[in-house]
Amino acid sequence: MSFRTSILSLAFATVASAALAQTAVVKSEFFSAQPTDVLSNNLIGLNINNQQKEKIGEIKDLILSDHQLRGYIVSVGGFLGLGERYVAVSPTSIQVTYVENDKKWQAVMNATKEELKSAPEFKYEGRWKR
C-alpha cells in the first residue's frame, strides 16, 4: 500500500468514526409535567418587583448549564428598549410564584433598580449572540 493510499484510508476512517459518533442514538424519555412546574414562557417577559412593589426589571432570558437553571438575564433601565442594559442574576435571588387569586406569575427580588443598574453588565456576544 502506498503512503498516499495509507493517508487516504486513515482520513476516511477518521471521518467515518466521527460520523458514527455523531449519529449515536439516545433513548427517548417522556414524563408528565406537574401543575407546579414553571415553563420558560411563564418567566421570559415577567416583570420583577421589589419588596415595595416597584418594578425594577424584567426577565429577558434564562441561563441553563448542566441541565439546570443557573441564572436569569434581567433587563434594567431604559425606555422603549433604548438605554436598556442586562445583568445576570442568580435564580436564588428572585422568588417566582404563581398567584392563584390573580391567575398570574409574579417575580420578587430584594433589590433596588439602582442596585441592578450598578451590577456587572451581561452582553450578548460571542456564543450568546442573539
Protein backbone atom coordinates (compact mmCIF):
# COMPACT_ATOMS: atom_id res chain seq x y z
CA MET A 1 0.00 0.00 0.00
CA SER A 2 1.40 3.37 -0.94
CA PHE A 3 1.88 6.24 1.51
CA ARG A 4 -0.87 8.21 -0.24
CA THR A 5 -3.31 5.31 0.00
CA SER A 6 -2.48 4.89 3.70
CA ILE A 7 -3.14 8.58 4.40
CA LEU A 8 -6.44 8.46 2.48
CA SER A 9 -7.51 5.30 4.37
CA LEU A 10 -6.64 6.90 7.70
CA ALA A 11 -8.54 10.09 6.78
CA PHE A 12 -11.58 8.08 5.68
CA ALA A 13 -11.54 6.02 8.90
CA THR A 14 -11.33 9.20 10.99
CA VAL A 15 -14.24 10.83 9.17
CA ALA A 16 -16.32 7.64 9.32
CA SER A 17 -15.75 7.16 13.07
CA ALA A 18 -16.63 10.83 13.71
CA ALA A 19 -19.82 10.45 11.68
CA LEU A 20 -20.76 7.30 13.61
CA ALA A 21 -20.12 9.06 16.92
CA GLN A 22 -22.38 11.94 15.89
CA THR A 23 -25.23 9.62 14.95
CA ALA A 24 -25.33 7.80 18.30
CA VAL A 25 -28.96 7.40 19.30
CA VAL A 26 -30.06 8.49 22.75
CA LYS A 27 -33.05 6.73 24.22
CA SER A 28 -36.10 9.00 24.35
CA GLU A 29 -37.62 9.57 27.76
CA PHE A 30 -41.00 11.14 28.42
CA PHE A 31 -42.57 12.46 31.59
CA SER A 32 -45.65 14.26 32.81
CA ALA A 33 -45.40 17.93 33.72
CA GLN A 34 -46.88 18.87 37.06
CA PRO A 35 -49.19 21.86 37.66
CA THR A 36 -46.50 23.27 39.98
CA ASP A 37 -43.82 23.19 37.23
CA VAL A 38 -42.76 26.51 35.73
CA LEU A 39 -42.42 26.81 31.94
CA SER A 40 -39.88 29.17 30.36
CA ASN A 41 -42.65 31.16 28.68
CA ASN A 42 -44.03 31.91 32.16
CA LEU A 43 -40.69 33.51 33.05
CA ILE A 44 -39.48 35.32 29.94
CA GLY A 45 -41.05 38.77 29.88
CA LEU A 46 -42.06 38.58 33.54
CA ASN A 47 -41.68 41.87 35.40
CA ILE A 48 -39.61 41.80 38.57
CA ASN A 49 -40.81 43.89 41.51
CA ASN A 50 -39.04 44.68 44.74
CA GLN A 51 -40.49 44.35 48.24
CA GLN A 52 -42.14 47.79 47.83
CA LYS A 53 -43.95 46.52 44.69
CA GLU A 54 -41.89 48.81 42.40
CA LYS A 55 -40.93 47.38 39.00
CA ILE A 56 -37.14 47.05 38.95
CA GLY A 57 -36.54 44.87 35.88
CA GLU A 58 -37.78 42.18 33.52
CA ILE A 59 -36.65 38.61 32.92
CA LYS A 60 -35.39 38.51 29.34
CA ASP A 61 -33.62 35.17 29.15
CA LEU A 62 -32.57 32.07 31.08
CA ILE A 63 -29.09 30.65 31.64
CA LEU A 64 -29.08 26.85 31.57
CA SER A 65 -25.98 24.85 32.43
CA ASP A 66 -25.67 21.12 33.03
CA HIS A 67 -29.44 20.83 32.52
CA GLN A 68 -30.20 23.21 35.40
CA LEU A 69 -31.31 26.81 35.69
CA ARG A 70 -28.17 28.77 36.57
CA GLY A 71 -29.46 32.30 36.22
CA TYR A 72 -31.76 34.88 34.74
CA ILE A 73 -30.80 37.62 32.31
CA VAL A 74 -32.62 40.68 33.62
CA SER A 75 -33.13 43.93 31.72
CA VAL A 76 -33.00 47.12 33.71
CA GLY A 77 -33.34 50.78 32.85
CA GLY A 78 -34.12 52.27 29.51
CA PHE A 79 -37.31 53.38 27.92
CA LEU A 80 -38.91 51.54 24.99
CA GLY A 81 -35.75 49.48 24.61
CA LEU A 82 -33.38 52.47 24.49
CA GLY A 83 -30.71 52.61 27.18
CA GLU A 84 -31.65 49.14 28.41
CA ARG A 85 -28.87 47.02 29.90
CA TYR A 86 -28.73 43.42 31.01
CA VAL A 87 -27.42 41.78 34.17
CA ALA A 88 -27.11 38.10 35.10
CA VAL A 89 -28.87 37.26 38.34
CA SER A 90 -28.76 34.05 40.38
CA PRO A 91 -32.07 32.17 40.43
CA THR A 92 -31.93 32.17 44.23
CA SER A 93 -32.16 35.98 44.15
CA ILE A 94 -35.58 36.05 42.51
CA GLN A 95 -38.66 34.49 44.06
CA VAL A 96 -41.05 33.33 41.34
CA THR A 97 -44.54 32.33 42.44
CA TYR A 98 -47.95 31.76 40.95
CA VAL A 99 -50.67 33.90 42.49
CA GLU A 100 -53.78 31.74 42.36
CA ASN A 101 -56.22 34.62 43.04
CA ASP A 102 -54.81 36.70 40.16
CA LYS A 103 -54.12 33.69 37.91
CA LYS A 104 -50.66 35.04 37.04
CA TRP A 105 -46.98 34.65 37.80
CA GLN A 106 -45.01 37.17 39.81
CA ALA A 107 -41.30 37.70 40.46
CA VAL A 108 -39.94 39.48 43.51
CA MET A 109 -36.33 40.45 44.18
CA ASN A 110 -34.91 42.09 47.27
CA ALA A 111 -33.06 44.84 45.39
CA THR A 112 -33.48 48.35 44.06
CA LYS A 113 -33.41 49.47 40.47
CA GLU A 114 -30.16 51.32 41.27
CA GLU A 115 -28.53 48.11 42.56
CA LEU A 116 -29.46 46.32 39.34
CA LYS A 117 -28.17 49.23 37.25
CA SER A 118 -24.83 49.12 39.04
CA ALA A 119 -24.44 45.31 38.75
CA PRO A 120 -21.91 43.92 36.23
CA GLU A 121 -23.37 44.11 32.73
CA PHE A 122 -24.15 40.98 30.73
CA LYS A 123 -23.57 41.40 27.00
CA TYR A 124 -24.96 39.19 24.27
CA GLU A 125 -21.79 38.46 22.33
CA GLY A 126 -19.75 35.50 21.19
CA ARG A 127 -21.60 32.30 21.99
CA TRP A 128 -24.57 34.18 23.38
CA LYS A 129 -25.15 36.41 20.39
CA ARG A 130 -28.82 36.61 19.55
